[in-house]
Amino acid sequence: MNKILSNNSYIRFISGYLDSLSDIDGSQREFYTSFNMIQSENISIESELKLAFDFMENIEIIKQVKYPNEGSFTHFLEKLLLIKPFQGLYQTSKDIHIPDDLIKTYRDYIIFHLEDYLDFALEEELNRLSLDNSTIEILLVKYRNSRDNSTSHFISIQKEVKNIKQIINFYRENYLEKDYSKFFNEIIKWKETRKKEHL
């Protein structure tokens, strides 16, 4: 059975959590991160994205990297969240600088709690959480928005456990495909660097 898990009690909470971060990241919602969770079997990634985000048409996967036996979003979220925190608050001032160590502490705190909520959402569906067989994929996606007929891109991070998939999509205003492609490569490089640090 293929369906969006709209009754999961954590989905709205996680979506609100990410939406709040969008308000403080960049200037005037320059960055936006959305979340959804689906149950799917034997359908394509394009069909899964259409199921989770019904406004997407003509979905095309441009780049795709898979990480088998990967149970954590952490290293991906380190690049996707709080890219330019509080830029909107201080955009008219050249004297304000938020120390990098403070941003890292804040980002680590947010990601730690967000990972917990993501696990709780899985536990609610699976009763017993097992990350041993989970897989994470990162994708660069192009699609047509059925609401306004515009063409857009985004980066999607997806974790699959059994037949449950969590999907986190990252958007940035005024980003072209080449910009997303460069950022996609930066995320892959960051993931490999962080993986080596933990060997």
C-alpha atoms as a PDB file:
ATOM      1  CA  MET A   1       0.000   0.000   0.000  1.00  0.00           C
ATOM      2  CA  ASN A   2       1.258   3.463  -0.922  1.00  0.00           C
ATOM      3  CA  LYS A   3       0.055   6.361   1.193  1.00  0.00           C
ATOM      4  CA  ILE A   4       1.067   9.566   2.876  1.00  0.00           C
ATOM      5  CA  LEU A   5       1.240   9.120   6.652  1.00  0.00           C
ATOM      6  CA  SER A   6      -0.822  12.154   7.529  1.00  0.00           C
ATOM      7  CA  ASN A   7      -2.030  10.770  10.871  1.00  0.00           C
ATOM      8  CA  ASN A   8       1.445  10.414  12.384  1.00  0.00           C
ATOM      9  CA  SER A   9       1.455  12.727  15.401  1.00  0.00           C
ATOM     10  CA  TYR A  10       5.035  13.923  14.800  1.00  0.00           C
ATOM     11  CA  ILE A  11       4.756  14.997  11.150  1.00  0.00           C
ATOM     12  CA  ARG A  12       3.042  18.306  11.841  1.00  0.00           C
ATOM     13  CA  PHE A  13       5.417  18.986  14.728  1.00  0.00           C
ATOM     14  CA  ILE A  14       8.530  18.310  12.611  1.00  0.00           C
ATOM     15  CA  SER A  15       7.125  20.395   9.749  1.00  0.00           C
ATOM     16  CA  GLY A  16       6.486  23.272  12.156  1.00  0.00           C
ATOM     17  CA  TYR A  17       9.970  22.906  13.623  1.00  0.00           C
ATOM     18  CA  LEU A  18      11.557  23.176  10.164  1.00  0.00           C
ATOM     19  CA  ASP A  19       9.231  26.013   9.201  1.00  0.00           C
ATOM     20  CA  SER A  20      10.342  27.971  12.267  1.00  0.00           C
ATOM     21  CA  LEU A  21      13.971  27.486  11.264  1.00  0.00           C
ATOM     22  CA  SER A  22      13.146  28.853   7.814  1.00  0.00           C
ATOM     23  CA  ASP A  23      12.035  32.079   9.481  1.00  0.00           C
ATOM     24  CA  ILE A  24      15.457  32.658  11.057  1.00  0.00           C
ATOM     25  CA  ASP A  25      17.618  31.268   8.243  1.00  0.00           C
ATOM     26  CA  GLY A  26      18.742  33.748   5.629  1.00  0.00           C
ATOM     27  CA  SER A  27      16.821  36.847   4.686  1.00  0.00           C
ATOM     28  CA  GLN A  28      13.052  36.858   4.012  1.00  0.00           C
ATOM     29  CA  ARG A  29      12.781  33.051   3.907  1.00  0.00           C
ATOM     30  CA  GLU A  30      15.701  32.708   1.530  1.00  0.00           C
ATOM     31  CA  PHE A  31      15.930  29.037   2.522  1.00  0.00           C
ATOM     32  CA  TYR A  32      13.052  26.644   3.043  1.00  0.00           C
ATOM     33  CA  THR A  33      13.033  23.034   4.272  1.00  0.00           C
ATOM     34  CA  SER A  34       9.937  20.821   4.106  1.00  0.00           C
ATOM     35  CA  PHE A  35       9.183  17.372   5.529  1.00  0.00           C
ATOM     36  CA  ASN A  36       6.862  14.502   4.808  1.00  0.00           C
ATOM     37  CA  MET A  37       6.621  10.791   5.488  1.00  0.00           C
ATOM     38  CA  ILE A  38       5.099   8.082   3.324  1.00  0.00           C
ATOM     39  CA  GLN A  39       4.527   4.348   3.243  1.00  0.00           C
ATOM     40  CA  SER A  40       5.413   2.943  -0.167  1.00  0.00           C
ATOM     41  CA  GLU A  41       6.117  -0.337  -1.891  1.00  0.00           C
ATOM     42  CA  ASN A  42       7.414  -0.968  -5.393  1.00  0.00           C
ATOM     43  CA  ILE A  43       6.968   2.520  -6.814  1.00  0.00           C
ATOM     44  CA  SER A  44       9.539   4.904  -8.288  1.00  0.00           C
ATOM     45  CA  ILE A  45      11.121   7.792  -6.410  1.00  0.00           C
ATOM     46  CA  GLU A  46       9.295  10.158  -8.753  1.00  0.00           C
ATOM     47  CA  SER A  47       5.984   8.567  -7.738  1.00  0.00           C
ATOM     48  CA  GLU A  48       6.932   8.778  -4.070  1.00  0.00           C
ATOM     49  CA  LEU A  49       7.672  12.495  -4.370  1.00  0.00           C
ATOM     50  CA  LYS A  50       4.382  13.028  -6.182  1.00  0.00           C
ATOM     51  CA  LEU A  51       2.600  11.126  -3.382  1.00  0.00           C
ATOM     52  CA  ALA A  52       4.256  13.249  -0.685  1.00  0.00           C
ATOM     53  CA  PHE A  53       4.042  16.592  -2.505  1.00  0.00           C
ATOM     54  CA  ASP A  54       1.059  16.513  -4.841  1.00  0.00           C
ATOM     55  CA  PHE A  55       1.828  19.864  -6.521  1.00  0.00           C
ATOM     56  CA  MET A  56       4.894  18.380  -8.254  1.00  0.00           C
ATOM     57  CA  GLU A  57       4.621  17.439 -11.939  1.00  0.00           C
ATOM     58  CA  ASN A  58       7.163  16.174 -14.507  1.00  0.00           C
ATOM     59  CA  ILE A  59       9.575  15.123 -11.765  1.00  0.00           C
ATOM     60  CA  GLU A  60      13.126  14.446 -12.961  1.00  0.00           C
ATOM     61  CA  ILE A  61      15.986  13.048 -10.851  1.00  0.00           C
ATOM     62  CA  ILE A  62      19.150  14.850 -11.969  1.00  0.00           C
ATOM     63  CA  LYS A  63      21.633  13.473  -9.414  1.00  0.00           C
ATOM     64  CA  GLN A  64      21.345  10.632  -6.926  1.00  0.00           C
ATOM     65  CA  VAL A  65      23.668   9.119  -4.304  1.00  0.00           C
ATOM     66  CA  LYS A  66      22.673   6.266  -1.998  1.00  0.00           C
ATOM     67  CA  TYR A  67      24.117   5.425   1.438  1.00  0.00           C
ATOM     68  CA  PRO A  68      23.176   1.868   2.498  1.00  0.00           C
ATOM     69  CA  ASN A  69      23.142   1.074   6.225  1.00  0.00           C
ATOM     70  CA  GLU A  70      23.007   4.765   7.093  1.00  0.00           C
ATOM     71  CA  GLY A  71      20.726   5.594   9.996  1.00  0.00           C
ATOM     72  CA  SER A  72      21.244   9.298  10.612  1.00  0.00           C
ATOM     73  CA  PHE A  73      20.369  12.541   8.845  1.00  0.00           C
ATOM     74  CA  THR A  74      22.914  14.414  10.994  1.00  0.00           C
ATOM     75  CA  HIS A  75      25.727  15.070   8.516  1.00  0.00           C
ATOM     76  CA  PHE A  76      23.263  16.189   5.845  1.00  0.00           C
ATOM     77  CA  LEU A  77      21.365  18.478   8.205  1.00  0.00           C
ATOM     78  CA  GLU A  78      24.641  20.110   9.222  1.00  0.00           C
ATOM     79  CA  LYS A  79      24.776  21.548   5.692  1.00  0.00           C
ATOM     80  CA  LEU A  80      21.054  22.145   5.177  1.00  0.00           C
ATOM     81  CA  LEU A  81      20.103  23.973   8.387  1.00  0.00           C
ATOM     82  CA  LEU A  82      21.131  27.418   9.622  1.00  0.00           C
ATOM     83  CA  ILE A  83      23.127  28.360   6.561  1.00  0.00           C
ATOM     84  CA  LYS A  84      22.922  32.127   7.225  1.00  0.00           C
ATOM     85  CA  PRO A  85      21.188  32.327  10.613  1.00  0.00           C
ATOM     86  CA  PHE A  86      19.496  35.602  11.591  1.00  0.00           C
ATOM     87  CA  GLN A  87      20.577  37.282   8.341  1.00  0.00           C
ATOM     88  CA  GLY A  88      17.143  38.854   8.111  1.00  0.00           C
ATOM     89  CA  LEU A  89      17.487  40.473  11.521  1.00  0.00           C
ATOM     90  CA  TYR A  90      20.845  42.063  10.838  1.00  0.00           C
ATOM     91  CA  GLN A  91      20.865  42.593   7.068  1.00  0.00           C
ATOM     92  CA  THR A  92      20.982  46.401   7.444  1.00  0.00           C
ATOM     93  CA  SER A  93      23.976  46.315   9.779  1.00  0.00           C
ATOM     94  CA  LYS A  94      27.557  45.547   8.772  1.00  0.00           C
ATOM     95  CA  ASP A  95      28.779  45.460  12.380  1.00  0.00           C
ATOM     96  CA  ILE A  96      26.920  42.356  13.558  1.00  0.00           C
ATOM     97  CA  HIS A  97      28.802  39.062  13.427  1.00  0.00           C
ATOM     98  CA  ILE A  98      27.525  35.906  15.106  1.00  0.00           C
ATOM     99  CA  PRO A  99      30.538  33.839  16.204  1.00  0.00           C
ATOM    100  CA  ASP A 100      30.978  30.582  14.279  1.00  0.00           C
ATOM    101  CA  ASP A 101      31.280  28.529  17.485  1.00  0.00           C
ATOM    102  CA  LEU A 102      27.932  29.906  18.681  1.00  0.00           C
ATOM    103  CA  ILE A 103      26.283  29.006  15.372  1.00  0.00           C
ATOM    104  CA  LYS A 104      27.774  25.490  15.572  1.00  0.00           C
ATOM    105  CA  THR A 105      26.523  25.017  19.135  1.00  0.00           C
ATOM    106  CA  TYR A 106      23.051  26.205  18.156  1.00  0.00           C
ATOM    107  CA  ARG A 107      23.003  24.030  15.009  1.00  0.00           C
ATOM    108  CA  ASP A 108      24.171  20.939  16.936  1.00  0.00           C
ATOM    109  CA  TYR A 109      21.465  21.481  19.561  1.00  0.00           C
ATOM    110  CA  ILE A 110      18.734  21.824  16.929  1.00  0.00           C
ATOM    111  CA  ILE A 111      19.859  18.795  14.915  1.00  0.00           C
ATOM    112  CA  PHE A 112      20.150  16.602  18.038  1.00  0.00           C
ATOM    113  CA  HIS A 113      16.518  17.279  18.952  1.00  0.00           C
ATOM    114  CA  LEU A 114      15.275  17.097  15.372  1.00  0.00           C
ATOM    115  CA  GLU A 115      16.868  13.653  14.952  1.00  0.00           C
ATOM    116  CA  ASP A 116      14.994  12.509  18.067  1.00  0.00           C
ATOM    117  CA  TYR A 117      11.676  13.703  16.644  1.00  0.00           C
ATOM    118  CA  LEU A 118      12.395  11.969  13.322  1.00  0.00           C
ATOM    119  CA  ASP A 119      13.103   8.717  15.181  1.00  0.00           C
ATOM    120  CA  PHE A 120       9.929   9.112  17.259  1.00  0.00           C
ATOM    121  CA  ALA A 121       7.935   9.474  14.032  1.00  0.00           C
ATOM    122  CA  LEU A 122       9.400   6.213  12.743  1.00  0.00           C
ATOM    123  CA  GLU A 123       8.782   4.454  16.041  1.00  0.00           C
ATOM    124  CA  GLU A 124       5.121   5.431  15.877  1.00  0.00           C
ATOM    125  CA  GLU A 125       4.790   3.654  12.513  1.00  0.00           C
ATOM    126  CA  LEU A 126       7.083   0.667  13.117  1.00  0.00           C
ATOM    127  CA  ASN A 127       6.536   0.127  16.869  1.00  0.00           C
ATOM    128  CA  ARG A 128      10.129  -1.025  17.221  1.00  0.00           C
ATOM    129  CA  LEU A 129      12.783   1.124  15.620  1.00  0.00           C
ATOM    130  CA  SER A 130      15.557  -0.664  13.757  1.00  0.00           C
ATOM    131  CA  LEU A 131      18.044   1.458  11.857  1.00  0.00           C
ATOM    132  CA  ASP A 132      20.289  -1.460  10.901  1.00  0.00           C
ATOM    133  CA  ASN A 133      18.605  -1.822   7.522  1.00  0.00           C
ATOM    134  CA  SER A 134      17.941   1.849   6.849  1.00  0.00           C
ATOM    135  CA  THR A 135      19.154   3.610   3.717  1.00  0.00           C
ATOM    136  CA  ILE A 136      19.645   7.307   3.055  1.00  0.00           C
ATOM    137  CA  GLU A 137      19.620   8.869  -0.396  1.00  0.00           C
ATOM    138  CA  ILE A 138      20.397  12.383  -1.505  1.00  0.00           C
ATOM    139  CA  LEU A 139      18.842  13.610  -4.734  1.00  0.00           C
ATOM    140  CA  LEU A 140      18.869  16.706  -6.903  1.00  0.00           C
ATOM    141  CA  VAL A 141      15.361  17.028  -8.336  1.00  0.00           C
ATOM    142  CA  LYS A 142      13.745  19.140 -11.046  1.00  0.00           C
ATOM    143  CA  TYR A 143       9.978  19.523 -11.309  1.00  0.00           C
ATOM    144  CA  ARG A 144       7.143  21.653 -12.599  1.00  0.00           C
ATOM    145  CA  ASN A 145       4.949  23.298  -9.985  1.00  0.00           C
ATOM    146  CA  SER A 146       1.307  22.663 -10.903  1.00  0.00           C
ATOM    147  CA  ARG A 147       0.206  25.681  -8.836  1.00  0.00           C
ATOM    148  CA  ASP A 148       1.912  28.291 -10.984  1.00  0.00           C
ATOM    149  CA  ASN A 149       3.415  26.194 -13.816  1.00  0.00           C
ATOM    150  CA  SER A 150       6.961  27.274 -12.880  1.00  0.00           C
ATOM    151  CA  THR A 151      10.003  24.998 -13.088  1.00  0.00           C
ATOM    152  CA  SER A 152      11.883  24.523  -9.829  1.00  0.00           C
ATOM    153  CA  HIS A 153      14.681  22.486  -8.279  1.00  0.00           C
ATOM    154  CA  PHE A 154      15.385  21.194  -4.786  1.00  0.00           C
ATOM    155  CA  ILE A 155      17.664  18.839  -2.887  1.00  0.00           C
ATOM    156  CA  SER A 156      15.948  15.880  -1.252  1.00  0.00           C
ATOM    157  CA  ILE A 157      17.340  13.797   1.620  1.00  0.00           C
ATOM    158  CA  GLN A 158      15.383  10.575   2.087  1.00  0.00           C
ATOM    159  CA  LYS A 159      15.646   7.878   4.752  1.00  0.00           C
ATOM    160  CA  GLU A 160      13.952   4.531   4.213  1.00  0.00           C
ATOM    161  CA  VAL A 161      13.337   1.998   6.988  1.00  0.00           C
ATOM    162  CA  LYS A 162      11.422  -1.081   5.862  1.00  0.00           C
ATOM    163  CA  ASN A 163       8.611   0.427   3.751  1.00  0.00           C
ATOM    164  CA  ILE A 164       8.538   3.810   5.506  1.00  0.00           C
ATOM    165  CA  LYS A 165      10.309   6.776   3.944  1.00  0.00           C
ATOM    166  CA  GLN A 166      11.056  10.151   5.507  1.00  0.00           C
ATOM    167  CA  ILE A 167      11.627  12.942   3.001  1.00  0.00           C
ATOM    168  CA  ILE A 168      13.317  16.272   3.758  1.00  0.00           C
ATOM    169  CA  ASN A 169      13.406  18.719   0.840  1.00  0.00           C
ATOM    170  CA  PHE A 170      15.635  21.795   0.766  1.00  0.00           C
ATOM    171  CA  TYR A 171      14.881  24.851  -1.405  1.00  0.00           C
ATOM    172  CA  ARG A 172      16.713  28.127  -1.905  1.00  0.00           C
ATOM    173  CA  GLU A 173      15.311  31.245  -3.546  1.00  0.00           C
ATOM    174  CA  ASN A 174      16.914  32.332  -6.832  1.00  0.00           C
ATOM    175  CA  TYR A 175      19.043  29.193  -7.097  1.00  0.00           C
ATOM    176  CA  LEU A 176      19.660  27.865 -10.619  1.00  0.00           C
ATOM    177  CA  GLU A 177      20.289  24.213 -11.450  1.00  0.00           C
ATOM    178  CA  LYS A 178      24.053  24.832 -11.565  1.00  0.00           C
ATOM    179  CA  ASP A 179      23.894  26.346  -8.064  1.00  0.00           C
ATOM    180  CA  TYR A 180      21.988  23.351  -6.711  1.00  0.00           C
ATOM    181  CA  SER A 181      24.424  21.008  -8.443  1.00  0.00           C
ATOM    182  CA  LYS A 182      27.382  22.737  -6.800  1.00  0.00           C
ATOM    183  CA  PHE A 183      25.677  22.653  -3.400  1.00  0.00           C
ATOM    184  CA  PHE A 184      24.784  18.974  -3.911  1.00  0.00           C
ATOM    185  CA  ASN A 185      28.482  18.189  -4.483  1.00  0.00           C
ATOM    186  CA  GLU A 186      29.418  20.180  -1.377  1.00  0.00           C
ATOM    187  CA  ILE A 187      27.010  18.097   0.722  1.00  0.00           C
ATOM    188  CA  ILE A 188      28.469  14.845  -0.649  1.00  0.00           C
ATOM    189  CA  LYS A 189      32.002  16.054   0.097  1.00  0.00           C
ATOM    190  CA  TRP A 190      30.957  17.118   3.603  1.00  0.00           C
ATOM    191  CA  LYS A 191      29.356  13.729   4.232  1.00  0.00           C
ATOM    192  CA  GLU A 192      32.521  11.904   3.192  1.00  0.00           C
ATOM    193  CA  THR A 193      34.661  14.173   5.371  1.00  0.00           C
ATOM    194  CA  ARG A 194      32.461  13.603   8.428  1.00  0.00           C
ATOM    195  CA  LYS A 195      32.410   9.854   7.763  1.00  0.00           C
ATOM    196  CA  LYS A 196      36.222   9.719   7.774  1.00  0.00           C
ATOM    197  CA  GLU A 197      36.301  11.636  11.060  1.00  0.00           C
ATOM    198  CA  HIS A 198      34.295   8.844  12.709  1.00  0.00           C
ATOM    199  CA  LEU A 199      36.330   5.894  11.371  1.00  0.00           C
END
